[in-house]
Amino acid sequence: MTMQLEAIVNQPVIETERFDLRPVRRSDMGMIEMYASDPRVANATSSIPHPLPPGSVEAYVTRAMSDDREEDVWVMDGTRAESSEVMGVISLTRLDR
């Protein structure tokens, strides 16, 4: 059995009363794909295609965890309030200043 380590993402965790904003993890892929595959979610965004192409969530998470990424991605983690571990995703594109 091979042990695989996840890269450490240099990105803060932001805590609130109802949820935490935390860096995306590979273990989030299933929930992100479930939500992103819903046509109602895709139609409400300008960035999610429907139908969702195979492998697109894995590519998204890989980009989000990359050291040379151009945007920071946080998962809205509701476990603090006994809610879903993945309630949504927020991404901010870095500005070159």
PDB file of N, CA and C in Angstrom:
ATOM      1  N   MET A   1       0.842  -1.173   0.000  1.00  0.00           N
ATOM      2  CA  MET A   1       0.000   0.000   0.000  1.00  0.00           C
ATOM      3  C   MET A   1       0.894   1.245   0.000  1.00  0.00           C
ATOM      4  N   THR A   2       0.584   2.198  -0.869  1.00  0.00           N
ATOM      5  CA  THR A   2       1.352   3.428  -0.986  1.00  0.00           C
ATOM      6  C   THR A   2       0.616   4.546  -0.272  1.00  0.00           C
ATOM      7  N   MET A   3       1.341   5.299   0.527  1.00  0.00           N
ATOM      8  CA  MET A   3       0.733   6.426   1.212  1.00  0.00           C
ATOM      9  C   MET A   3       0.936   7.677   0.369  1.00  0.00           C
ATOM     10  N   GLN A   4      -0.149   8.416   0.151  1.00  0.00           N
ATOM     11  CA  GLN A   4      -0.072   9.638  -0.644  1.00  0.00           C
ATOM     12  C   GLN A   4      -0.345  10.828   0.258  1.00  0.00           C
ATOM     13  N   LEU A   5       0.558  11.800   0.235  1.00  0.00           N
ATOM     14  CA  LEU A   5       0.397  12.986   1.057  1.00  0.00           C
ATOM     15  C   LEU A   5      -0.167  14.117   0.217  1.00  0.00           C
ATOM     16  N   GLU A   6      -1.058  14.902   0.803  1.00  0.00           N
ATOM     17  CA  GLU A   6      -1.581  16.067   0.108  1.00  0.00           C
ATOM     18  C   GLU A   6      -0.631  17.235   0.323  1.00  0.00           C
ATOM     19  N   ALA A   7      -0.515  18.080  -0.692  1.00  0.00           N
ATOM     20  CA  ALA A   7       0.328  19.266  -0.587  1.00  0.00           C
ATOM     21  C   ALA A   7      -0.282  20.229   0.425  1.00  0.00           C
ATOM     22  N   ILE A   8       0.570  20.936   1.130  1.00  0.00           N
ATOM     23  CA  ILE A   8       0.104  21.946   2.070  1.00  0.00           C
ATOM     24  C   ILE A   8      -0.147  23.224   1.292  1.00  0.00           C
ATOM     25  N   VAL A   9      -1.352  23.711   1.374  1.00  0.00           N
ATOM     26  CA  VAL A   9      -1.733  24.918   0.655  1.00  0.00           C
ATOM     27  C   VAL A   9      -1.538  26.106   1.590  1.00  0.00           C
ATOM     28  N   ASN A  10      -0.789  27.105   1.137  1.00  0.00           N
ATOM     29  CA  ASN A  10      -0.539  28.294   1.935  1.00  0.00           C
ATOM     30  C   ASN A  10      -1.739  29.224   1.807  1.00  0.00           C
ATOM     31  N   GLN A  11      -2.754  28.951   2.594  1.00  0.00           N
ATOM     32  CA  GLN A  11      -4.014  29.675   2.510  1.00  0.00           C
ATOM     33  C   GLN A  11      -4.680  29.594   3.882  1.00  0.00           C
ATOM     34  N   PRO A  12      -5.154  30.698   4.400  1.00  0.00           N
ATOM     35  CA  PRO A  12      -5.708  30.677   5.764  1.00  0.00           C
ATOM     36  C   PRO A  12      -7.071  29.993   5.844  1.00  0.00           C
ATOM     37  N   VAL A  13      -7.385  29.504   7.041  1.00  0.00           N
ATOM     38  CA  VAL A  13      -8.727  29.035   7.357  1.00  0.00           C
ATOM     39  C   VAL A  13      -9.437  30.214   8.015  1.00  0.00           C
ATOM     40  N   ILE A  14     -10.644  30.506   7.558  1.00  0.00           N
ATOM     41  CA  ILE A  14     -11.418  31.619   8.105  1.00  0.00           C
ATOM     42  C   ILE A  14     -12.605  31.012   8.846  1.00  0.00           C
ATOM     43  N   GLU A  15     -12.672  31.252  10.154  1.00  0.00           N
ATOM     44  CA  GLU A  15     -13.710  30.651  10.985  1.00  0.00           C
ATOM     45  C   GLU A  15     -14.838  31.644  11.244  1.00  0.00           C
ATOM     46  N   THR A  16     -16.075  31.149  11.132  1.00  0.00           N
ATOM     47  CA  THR A  16     -17.250  31.936  11.493  1.00  0.00           C
ATOM     48  C   THR A  16     -18.083  31.091  12.456  1.00  0.00           C
ATOM     49  N   GLU A  17     -19.187  31.638  12.937  1.00  0.00           N
ATOM     50  CA  GLU A  17     -20.033  30.876  13.861  1.00  0.00           C
ATOM     51  C   GLU A  17     -20.692  29.685  13.178  1.00  0.00           C
ATOM     52  N   ARG A  18     -21.108  29.849  11.918  1.00  0.00           N
ATOM     53  CA  ARG A  18     -21.883  28.811  11.232  1.00  0.00           C
ATOM     54  C   ARG A  18     -21.066  27.877  10.349  1.00  0.00           C
ATOM     55  N   PHE A  19     -19.920  28.332   9.860  1.00  0.00           N
ATOM     56  CA  PHE A  19     -19.108  27.492   8.982  1.00  0.00           C
ATOM     57  C   PHE A  19     -17.685  28.018   8.949  1.00  0.00           C
ATOM     58  N   ASP A  20     -16.806  27.183   8.419  1.00  0.00           N
ATOM     59  CA  ASP A  20     -15.417  27.578   8.205  1.00  0.00           C
ATOM     60  C   ASP A  20     -15.164  27.672   6.706  1.00  0.00           C
ATOM     61  N   LEU A  21     -14.370  28.640   6.311  1.00  0.00           N
ATOM     62  CA  LEU A  21     -13.847  28.683   4.952  1.00  0.00           C
ATOM     63  C   LEU A  21     -12.455  28.074   5.047  1.00  0.00           C
ATOM     64  N   ARG A  22     -12.269  26.960   4.369  1.00  0.00           N
ATOM     65  CA  ARG A  22     -10.984  26.263   4.446  1.00  0.00           C
ATOM     66  C   ARG A  22     -10.528  25.909   3.035  1.00  0.00           C
ATOM     67  N   PRO A  23      -9.220  25.693   2.859  1.00  0.00           N
ATOM     68  CA  PRO A  23      -8.729  25.286   1.540  1.00  0.00           C
ATOM     69  C   PRO A  23      -9.392  23.985   1.082  1.00  0.00           C
ATOM     70  N   VAL A  24      -9.557  23.861  -0.206  1.00  0.00           N
ATOM     71  CA  VAL A  24     -10.160  22.662  -0.788  1.00  0.00           C
ATOM     72  C   VAL A  24      -9.235  21.467  -0.580  1.00  0.00           C
ATOM     73  N   ARG A  25      -9.836  20.287  -0.428  1.00  0.00           N
ATOM     74  CA  ARG A  25      -9.094  19.027  -0.253  1.00  0.00           C
ATOM     75  C   ARG A  25      -9.529  18.053  -1.343  1.00  0.00           C
ATOM     76  N   ARG A  26      -8.675  17.096  -1.627  1.00  0.00           N
ATOM     77  CA  ARG A  26      -9.046  16.069  -2.611  1.00  0.00           C
ATOM     78  C   ARG A  26     -10.300  15.322  -2.165  1.00  0.00           C
ATOM     79  N   SER A  27     -10.487  15.153  -0.872  1.00  0.00           N
ATOM     80  CA  SER A  27     -11.658  14.429  -0.363  1.00  0.00           C
ATOM     81  C   SER A  27     -12.964  15.187  -0.617  1.00  0.00           C
ATOM     82  N   ASP A  28     -12.884  16.451  -1.044  1.00  0.00           N
ATOM     83  CA  ASP A  28     -14.078  17.239  -1.352  1.00  0.00           C
ATOM     84  C   ASP A  28     -14.615  16.969  -2.753  1.00  0.00           C
ATOM     85  N   MET A  29     -13.863  16.265  -3.592  1.00  0.00           N
ATOM     86  CA  MET A  29     -14.227  16.119  -4.999  1.00  0.00           C
ATOM     87  C   MET A  29     -15.622  15.524  -5.208  1.00  0.00           C
ATOM     88  N   GLY A  30     -15.987  14.521  -4.448  1.00  0.00           N
ATOM     89  CA  GLY A  30     -17.294  13.878  -4.631  1.00  0.00           C
ATOM     90  C   GLY A  30     -18.450  14.845  -4.400  1.00  0.00           C
ATOM     91  N   MET A  31     -18.383  15.596  -3.309  1.00  0.00           N
ATOM     92  CA  MET A  31     -19.455  16.552  -3.003  1.00  0.00           C
ATOM     93  C   MET A  31     -19.471  17.703  -4.009  1.00  0.00           C
ATOM     94  N   ILE A  32     -18.293  18.194  -4.397  1.00  0.00           N
ATOM     95  CA  ILE A  32     -18.239  19.274  -5.382  1.00  0.00           C
ATOM     96  C   ILE A  32     -18.842  18.794  -6.700  1.00  0.00           C
ATOM     97  N   GLU A  33     -18.502  17.577  -7.105  1.00  0.00           N
ATOM     98  CA  GLU A  33     -19.053  17.044  -8.355  1.00  0.00           C
ATOM     99  C   GLU A  33     -20.564  16.866  -8.264  1.00  0.00           C
ATOM    100  N   MET A  34     -21.060  16.406  -7.118  1.00  0.00           N
ATOM    101  CA  MET A  34     -22.498  16.232  -6.957  1.00  0.00           C
ATOM    102  C   MET A  34     -23.222  17.572  -7.142  1.00  0.00           C
ATOM    103  N   TYR A  35     -22.730  18.624  -6.477  1.00  0.00           N
ATOM    104  CA  TYR A  35     -23.368  19.932  -6.592  1.00  0.00           C
ATOM    105  C   TYR A  35     -23.198  20.517  -7.991  1.00  0.00           C
ATOM    106  N   ALA A  36     -21.983  20.443  -8.536  1.00  0.00           N
ATOM    107  CA  ALA A  36     -21.700  21.055  -9.838  1.00  0.00           C
ATOM    108  C   ALA A  36     -22.430  20.342 -10.971  1.00  0.00           C
ATOM    109  N   SER A  37     -22.790  19.081 -10.785  1.00  0.00           N
ATOM    110  CA  SER A  37     -23.511  18.335 -11.814  1.00  0.00           C
ATOM    111  C   SER A  37     -24.994  18.679 -11.849  1.00  0.00           C
ATOM    112  N   ASP A  38     -25.492  19.336 -10.831  1.00  0.00           N
ATOM    113  CA  ASP A  38     -26.902  19.720 -10.770  1.00  0.00           C
ATOM    114  C   ASP A  38     -27.145  20.855 -11.763  1.00  0.00           C
ATOM    115  N   PRO A  39     -28.045  20.674 -12.725  1.00  0.00           N
ATOM    116  CA  PRO A  39     -28.273  21.731 -13.724  1.00  0.00           C
ATOM    117  C   PRO A  39     -28.715  23.061 -13.110  1.00  0.00           C
ATOM    118  N   ARG A  40     -29.395  23.020 -11.970  1.00  0.00           N
ATOM    119  CA  ARG A  40     -29.823  24.270 -11.319  1.00  0.00           C
ATOM    120  C   ARG A  40     -28.620  25.068 -10.838  1.00  0.00           C
ATOM    121  N   VAL A  41     -27.598  24.371 -10.339  1.00  0.00           N
ATOM    122  CA  VAL A  41     -26.376  25.042  -9.894  1.00  0.00           C
ATOM    123  C   VAL A  41     -25.618  25.574 -11.102  1.00  0.00           C
ATOM    124  N   ALA A  42     -25.450  24.733 -12.109  1.00  0.00           N
ATOM    125  CA  ALA A  42     -24.713  25.142 -13.307  1.00  0.00           C
ATOM    126  C   ALA A  42     -25.371  26.346 -13.976  1.00  0.00           C
ATOM    127  N   ASN A  43     -26.686  26.350 -14.066  1.00  0.00           N
ATOM    128  CA  ASN A  43     -27.402  27.459 -14.712  1.00  0.00           C
ATOM    129  C   ASN A  43     -27.320  28.760 -13.923  1.00  0.00           C
ATOM    130  N   ALA A  44     -27.028  28.665 -12.637  1.00  0.00           N
ATOM    131  CA  ALA A  44     -26.951  29.863 -11.796  1.00  0.00           C
ATOM    132  C   ALA A  44     -25.545  30.460 -11.779  1.00  0.00           C
ATOM    133  N   THR A  45     -24.605  29.838 -12.499  1.00  0.00           N
ATOM    134  CA  THR A  45     -23.234  30.344 -12.540  1.00  0.00           C
ATOM    135  C   THR A  45     -22.812  30.595 -13.987  1.00  0.00           C
ATOM    136  N   SER A  46     -21.755  31.342 -14.134  1.00  0.00           N
ATOM    137  CA  SER A  46     -21.197  31.551 -15.474  1.00  0.00           C
ATOM    138  C   SER A  46     -19.982  30.673 -15.716  1.00  0.00           C
ATOM    139  N   SER A  47     -19.595  29.869 -14.715  1.00  0.00           N
ATOM    140  CA  SER A  47     -18.350  29.110 -14.837  1.00  0.00           C
ATOM    141  C   SER A  47     -18.517  27.592 -14.819  1.00  0.00           C
ATOM    142  N   ILE A  48     -19.705  27.086 -14.540  1.00  0.00           N
ATOM    143  CA  ILE A  48     -19.900  25.634 -14.490  1.00  0.00           C
ATOM    144  C   ILE A  48     -20.683  25.203 -15.727  1.00  0.00           C
ATOM    145  N   PRO A  49     -20.065  24.380 -16.586  1.00  0.00           N
ATOM    146  CA  PRO A  49     -20.789  23.894 -17.763  1.00  0.00           C
ATOM    147  C   PRO A  49     -21.747  22.771 -17.390  1.00  0.00           C
ATOM    148  N   HIS A  50     -22.807  22.634 -18.175  1.00  0.00           N
ATOM    149  CA  HIS A  50     -23.711  21.499 -17.983  1.00  0.00           C
ATOM    150  C   HIS A  50     -23.994  20.886 -19.342  1.00  0.00           C
ATOM    151  N   PRO A  51     -23.823  19.595 -19.516  1.00  0.00           N
ATOM    152  CA  PRO A  51     -23.383  18.649 -18.482  1.00  0.00           C
ATOM    153  C   PRO A  51     -21.914  18.846 -18.127  1.00  0.00           C
ATOM    154  N   LEU A  52     -21.582  18.466 -16.927  1.00  0.00           N
ATOM    155  CA  LEU A  52     -20.224  18.615 -16.408  1.00  0.00           C
ATOM    156  C   LEU A  52     -19.303  17.619 -17.106  1.00  0.00           C
ATOM    157  N   PRO A  53     -18.250  18.092 -17.781  1.00  0.00           N
ATOM    158  CA  PRO A  53     -17.340  17.172 -18.473  1.00  0.00           C
ATOM    159  C   PRO A  53     -16.612  16.246 -17.495  1.00  0.00           C
ATOM    160  N   PRO A  54     -16.393  14.982 -17.896  1.00  0.00           N
ATOM    161  CA  PRO A  54     -15.660  14.053 -17.032  1.00  0.00           C
ATOM    162  C   PRO A  54     -14.267  14.607 -16.704  1.00  0.00           C
ATOM    163  N   GLY A  55     -13.874  14.466 -15.464  1.00  0.00           N
ATOM    164  CA  GLY A  55     -12.545  14.896 -15.035  1.00  0.00           C
ATOM    165  C   GLY A  55     -12.426  16.369 -14.699  1.00  0.00           C
ATOM    166  N   SER A  56     -13.479  17.144 -14.914  1.00  0.00           N
ATOM    167  CA  SER A  56     -13.376  18.597 -14.682  1.00  0.00           C
ATOM    168  C   SER A  56     -13.247  18.944 -13.202  1.00  0.00           C
ATOM    169  N   VAL A  57     -13.896  18.206 -12.327  1.00  0.00           N
ATOM    170  CA  VAL A  57     -13.789  18.496 -10.888  1.00  0.00           C
ATOM    171  C   VAL A  57     -12.394  18.140 -10.386  1.00  0.00           C
ATOM    172  N   GLU A  58     -11.867  17.021 -10.836  1.00  0.00           N
ATOM    173  CA  GLU A  58     -10.506  16.652 -10.438  1.00  0.00           C
ATOM    174  C   GLU A  58      -9.502  17.704 -10.912  1.00  0.00           C
ATOM    175  N   ALA A  59      -9.659  18.196 -12.142  1.00  0.00           N
ATOM    176  CA  ALA A  59      -8.765  19.236 -12.663  1.00  0.00           C
ATOM    177  C   ALA A  59      -8.919  20.524 -11.860  1.00  0.00           C
ATOM    178  N   TYR A  60     -10.144  20.858 -11.482  1.00  0.00           N
ATOM    179  CA  TYR A  60     -10.412  22.069 -10.686  1.00  0.00           C
ATOM    180  C   TYR A  60      -9.723  21.978  -9.326  1.00  0.00           C
ATOM    181  N   VAL A  61      -9.879  20.853  -8.664  1.00  0.00           N
ATOM    182  CA  VAL A  61      -9.268  20.670  -7.338  1.00  0.00           C
ATOM    183  C   VAL A  61      -7.744  20.664  -7.461  1.00  0.00           C
ATOM    184  N   THR A  62      -7.214  20.041  -8.478  1.00  0.00           N
ATOM    185  CA  THR A  62      -5.763  20.030  -8.690  1.00  0.00           C
ATOM    186  C   THR A  62      -5.249  21.452  -8.880  1.00  0.00           C
ATOM    187  N   ARG A  63      -5.949  22.259  -9.697  1.00  0.00           N
ATOM    188  CA  ARG A  63      -5.549  23.666  -9.881  1.00  0.00           C
ATOM    189  C   ARG A  63      -5.653  24.434  -8.572  1.00  0.00           C
ATOM    190  N   ALA A  64      -6.715  24.191  -7.807  1.00  0.00           N
ATOM    191  CA  ALA A  64      -6.933  24.905  -6.543  1.00  0.00           C
ATOM    192  C   ALA A  64      -5.859  24.593  -5.514  1.00  0.00           C
ATOM    193  N   MET A  65      -5.255  23.410  -5.603  1.00  0.00           N
ATOM    194  CA  MET A  65      -4.238  23.003  -4.640  1.00  0.00           C
ATOM    195  C   MET A  65      -2.819  23.287  -5.123  1.00  0.00           C
ATOM    196  N   SER A  66      -2.683  23.787  -6.337  1.00  0.00           N
ATOM    197  CA  SER A  66      -1.378  24.032  -6.931  1.00  0.00           C
ATOM    198  C   SER A  66      -0.685  25.237  -6.292  1.00  0.00           C
ATOM    199  N   ASP A  67       0.619  25.136  -6.111  1.00  0.00           N
ATOM    200  CA  ASP A  67       1.388  26.252  -5.552  1.00  0.00           C
ATOM    201  C   ASP A  67       1.377  27.467  -6.477  1.00  0.00           C
ATOM    202  N   ASP A  68       1.286  27.241  -7.778  1.00  0.00           N
ATOM    203  CA  ASP A  68       1.312  28.360  -8.729  1.00  0.00           C
ATOM    204  C   ASP A  68      -0.088  28.734  -9.242  1.00  0.00           C
ATOM    205  N   ARG A  69      -1.099  28.468  -8.427  1.00  0.00           N
ATOM    206  CA  ARG A  69      -2.481  28.769  -8.812  1.00  0.00           C
ATOM    207  C   ARG A  69      -2.686  30.273  -8.964  1.00  0.00           C
ATOM    208  N   GLU A  70      -3.681  30.650  -9.757  1.00  0.00           N
ATOM    209  CA  GLU A  70      -4.009  32.059  -9.969  1.00  0.00           C
ATOM    210  C   GLU A  70      -5.217  32.494  -9.145  1.00  0.00           C
ATOM    211  N   GLU A  71      -5.871  31.545  -8.501  1.00  0.00           N
ATOM    212  CA  GLU A  71      -7.001  31.874  -7.640  1.00  0.00           C
ATOM    213  C   GLU A  71      -6.922  31.043  -6.371  1.00  0.00           C
ATOM    214  N   ASP A  72      -7.460  31.590  -5.299  1.00  0.00           N
ATOM    215  CA  ASP A  72      -7.561  30.853  -4.045  1.00  0.00           C
ATOM    216  C   ASP A  72      -8.988  30.350  -3.922  1.00  0.00           C
ATOM    217  N   VAL A  73      -9.117  29.088  -3.550  1.00  0.00           N
ATOM    218  CA  VAL A  73     -10.428  28.442  -3.459  1.00  0.00           C
ATOM    219  C   VAL A  73     -10.638  27.971  -2.031  1.00  0.00           C
ATOM    220  N   TRP A  74     -11.777  28.346  -1.471  1.00  0.00           N
ATOM    221  CA  TRP A  74     -12.168  27.902  -0.135  1.00  0.00           C
ATOM    222  C   TRP A  74     -13.446  27.090  -0.238  1.00  0.00           C
ATOM    223  N   VAL A  75     -13.549  26.072   0.613  1.00  0.00           N
ATOM    224  CA  VAL A  75     -14.775  25.303   0.770  1.00  0.00           C
ATOM    225  C   VAL A  75     -15.509  25.860   1.973  1.00  0.00           C
ATOM    226  N   MET A  76     -16.801  26.048   1.834  1.00  0.00           N
ATOM    227  CA  MET A  76     -17.641  26.431   2.974  1.00  0.00           C
ATOM    228  C   MET A  76     -17.975  25.131   3.709  1.00  0.00           C
ATOM    229  N   ASP A  77     -17.301  24.891   4.832  1.00  0.00           N
ATOM    230  CA  ASP A  77     -17.414  23.658   5.595  1.00  0.00           C
ATOM    231  C   ASP A  77     -18.356  23.884   6.773  1.00  0.00           C
ATOM    232  N   GLY A  78     -19.512  23.224   6.747  1.00  0.00           N
ATOM    233  CA  GLY A  78     -20.536  23.439   7.760  1.00  0.00           C
ATOM    234  C   GLY A  78     -20.501  22.483   8.928  1.00  0.00           C
ATOM    235  N   THR A  79     -19.454  21.684   9.055  1.00  0.00           N
ATOM    236  CA  THR A  79     -19.433  20.714  10.150  1.00  0.00           C
ATOM    237  C   THR A  79     -19.468  21.377  11.522  1.00  0.00           C
ATOM    238  N   ARG A  80     -19.010  22.610  11.613  1.00  0.00           N
ATOM    239  CA  ARG A  80     -19.052  23.349  12.886  1.00  0.00           C
ATOM    240  C   ARG A  80     -20.490  23.461  13.409  1.00  0.00           C
ATOM    241  N   ALA A  81     -21.452  23.596  12.504  1.00  0.00           N
ATOM    242  CA  ALA A  81     -22.861  23.748  12.883  1.00  0.00           C
ATOM    243  C   ALA A  81     -23.653  22.487  12.561  1.00  0.00           C
ATOM    244  N   GLU A  82     -22.959  21.341  12.526  1.00  0.00           N
ATOM    245  CA  GLU A  82     -23.583  20.055  12.228  1.00  0.00           C
ATOM    246  C   GLU A  82     -24.321  20.088  10.892  1.00  0.00           C
ATOM    247  N   SER A  83     -23.711  20.725   9.914  1.00  0.00           N
ATOM    248  CA  SER A  83     -24.258  20.807   8.566  1.00  0.00           C
ATOM    249  C   SER A  83     -23.325  20.041   7.625  1.00  0.00           C
ATOM    250  N   SER A  84     -23.530  20.212   6.344  1.00  0.00           N
ATOM    251  CA  SER A  84     -22.733  19.508   5.342  1.00  0.00           C
ATOM    252  C   SER A  84     -21.273  19.945   5.375  1.00  0.00           C
ATOM    253  N   GLU A  85     -20.375  18.997   5.141  1.00  0.00           N
ATOM    254  CA  GLU A  85     -18.950  19.317   5.113  1.00  0.00           C
ATOM    255  C   GLU A  85     -18.620  20.242   3.946  1.00  0.00           C
ATOM    256  N   VAL A  86     -19.357  20.104   2.843  1.00  0.00           N
ATOM    257  CA  VAL A  86     -19.179  20.993   1.687  1.00  0.00           C
ATOM    258  C   VAL A  86     -20.532  21.640   1.407  1.00  0.00           C
ATOM    259  N   MET A  87     -20.662  22.896   1.812  1.00  0.00           N
ATOM    260  CA  MET A  87     -21.898  23.649   1.564  1.00  0.00           C
ATOM    261  C   MET A  87     -21.781  24.480   0.287  1.00  0.00           C
ATOM    262  N   GLY A  88     -20.565  24.743  -0.139  1.00  0.00           N
ATOM    263  CA  GLY A  88     -20.328  25.544  -1.325  1.00  0.00           C
ATOM    264  C   GLY A  88     -18.851  25.814  -1.475  1.00  0.00           C
ATOM    265  N   VAL A  89     -18.523  26.544  -2.527  1.00  0.00           N
ATOM    266  CA  VAL A  89     -17.136  26.872  -2.838  1.00  0.00           C
ATOM    267  C   VAL A  89     -17.051  28.352  -3.172  1.00  0.00           C
ATOM    268  N   ILE A  90     -16.011  29.002  -2.682  1.00  0.00           N
ATOM    269  CA  ILE A  90     -15.756  30.413  -2.976  1.00  0.00           C
ATOM    270  C   ILE A  90     -14.355  30.502  -3.564  1.00  0.00           C
ATOM    271  N   SER A  91     -14.226  31.223  -4.665  1.00  0.00           N
ATOM    272  CA  SER A  91     -12.892  31.408  -5.238  1.00  0.00           C
ATOM    273  C   SER A  91     -12.650  32.881  -5.522  1.00  0.00           C
ATOM    274  N   LEU A  92     -11.421  33.294  -5.277  1.00  0.00           N
ATOM    275  CA  LEU A  92     -11.010  34.670  -5.535  1.00  0.00           C
ATOM    276  C   LEU A  92      -9.773  34.632  -6.435  1.00  0.00           C
ATOM    277  N   THR A  93      -9.858  35.346  -7.539  1.00  0.00           N
ATOM    278  CA  THR A  93      -8.724  35.426  -8.464  1.00  0.00           C
ATOM    279  C   THR A  93      -7.725  36.431  -7.921  1.00  0.00           C
ATOM    280  N   ARG A  94      -6.453  36.052  -7.938  1.00  0.00           N
ATOM    281  CA  ARG A  94      -5.394  36.945  -7.456  1.00  0.00           C
ATOM    282  C   ARG A  94      -5.181  38.076  -8.459  1.00  0.00           C
ATOM    283  N   LEU A  95      -4.965  39.256  -7.937  1.00  0.00           N
ATOM    284  CA  LEU A  95      -4.675  40.414  -8.781  1.00  0.00           C
ATOM    285  C   LEU A  95      -3.176  40.669  -8.792  1.00  0.00           C
ATOM    286  N   ASP A  96      -2.657  41.003  -9.942  1.00  0.00           N
ATOM    287  CA  ASP A  96      -1.234  41.292 -10.062  1.00  0.00           C
ATOM    288  C   ASP A  96      -1.017  42.763  -9.731  1.00  0.00           C
ATOM    289  N   ARG A  97      -0.470  43.015  -8.574  1.00  0.00           N
ATOM    290  CA  ARG A  97      -0.275  44.400  -8.138  1.00  0.00           C
ATOM    291  C   ARG A  97       1.184  44.697  -7.986  1.00  0.00           C
TER     292      ARG A  97
END
